[in-house]
């Protein structure tokens, strides 16, 4: 289970980072637009911060996106 958690975390972080970059936003710009400090964006993108769903919804919205969670069979 720990491996799946790590894989899910890494894939989620990568998706957020790619979207931020595709939107041409810096971490500072994203943080400002989302109302979240830039250091928290950095911690999230480095994998050293386990964000809440609310955190992810805020930064997704700041990029014009929404969060969708999908459960799949093992």
Protein backbone atom coordinates (compact mmCIF):
# COMPACT_ATOMS: atom_id res chain seq x y z
CA UNK A 1 0.00 0.00 0.00
CA UNK A 2 2.84 2.45 0.75
CA UNK A 3 4.13 2.03 -2.81
CA UNK A 4 0.70 2.92 -4.21
CA UNK A 5 0.49 5.96 -1.96
CA UNK A 6 3.89 7.13 -3.15
CA UNK A 7 3.02 6.54 -6.80
CA UNK A 8 -0.28 8.41 -6.44
CA UNK A 9 1.45 11.30 -4.66
CA UNK A 10 4.17 11.56 -7.32
CA UNK A 11 1.69 11.41 -10.21
CA UNK A 12 -0.52 14.04 -8.58
CA UNK A 13 2.38 16.40 -7.93
CA UNK A 14 3.67 15.97 -11.47
CA UNK A 15 0.23 16.73 -12.90
CA UNK A 16 -0.01 19.94 -10.91
CA UNK A 17 3.53 21.00 -11.84
CA UNK A 18 2.96 20.34 -15.53
CA UNK A 19 -0.28 22.32 -15.53
CA UNK A 20 1.35 25.24 -13.73
CA UNK A 21 4.14 25.32 -16.28
CA UNK A 22 1.76 24.93 -19.24
CA UNK A 23 -0.12 27.94 -17.89
CA UNK A 24 3.17 29.85 -17.84
CA UNK A 25 2.87 30.50 -14.11
CA UNK A 26 5.61 30.69 -11.53
CA UNK A 27 5.08 29.24 -8.09
CA UNK A 28 4.77 32.78 -6.78
CA UNK A 29 2.08 33.69 -9.31
CA UNK A 30 0.17 30.50 -8.60
CA UNK A 31 0.37 31.06 -4.86
CA UNK A 32 -0.79 34.66 -5.18
CA UNK A 33 -3.72 33.70 -7.38
CA UNK A 34 -4.70 30.77 -5.12
CA UNK A 35 -4.20 32.65 -1.85
CA UNK A 36 -1.50 30.21 -0.76
CA UNK A 37 2.06 31.13 0.17
CA UNK A 38 4.78 30.37 -2.39
CA UNK A 39 6.76 28.29 0.15
CA UNK A 40 3.74 25.98 0.50
CA UNK A 41 3.57 25.61 -3.29
CA UNK A 42 7.28 24.74 -3.29
CA UNK A 43 6.85 22.18 -0.50
CA UNK A 44 3.94 20.59 -2.35
CA UNK A 45 5.83 20.38 -5.65
CA UNK A 46 8.91 18.94 -3.93
CA UNK A 47 6.85 16.22 -2.26
CA UNK A 48 7.65 17.36 1.28
CA UNK A 49 4.10 18.55 1.99
CA UNK A 50 1.03 16.34 2.11
CA UNK A 51 -1.69 18.74 0.98
CA UNK A 52 -5.34 18.72 1.90
CA UNK A 53 -7.99 18.34 -0.74
CA UNK A 54 -8.91 22.00 -0.15
CA UNK A 55 -5.32 23.02 -0.96
CA UNK A 56 -5.36 21.10 -4.24
CA UNK A 57 -8.79 22.47 -5.18
CA UNK A 58 -7.55 26.04 -4.60
CA UNK A 59 -4.44 25.71 -6.73
CA UNK A 60 -6.33 23.83 -9.45
CA UNK A 61 -8.94 26.62 -9.57
CA UNK A 62 -6.17 29.21 -9.80
CA UNK A 63 -5.04 27.44 -12.98
CA UNK A 64 -8.57 27.25 -14.39
CA UNK A 65 -8.88 23.56 -13.54
CA UNK A 66 -10.87 21.43 -11.14
CA UNK A 67 -9.86 18.36 -9.18
CA UNK A 68 -11.39 15.02 -10.08
CA UNK A 69 -10.65 11.90 -8.08
CA UNK A 70 -11.16 8.52 -9.71
CA UNK A 71 -11.05 5.15 -7.98
CA UNK A 72 -9.85 2.19 -10.03
CA UNK A 73 -9.71 -1.51 -9.29
CA UNK A 74 -6.39 -2.96 -8.17
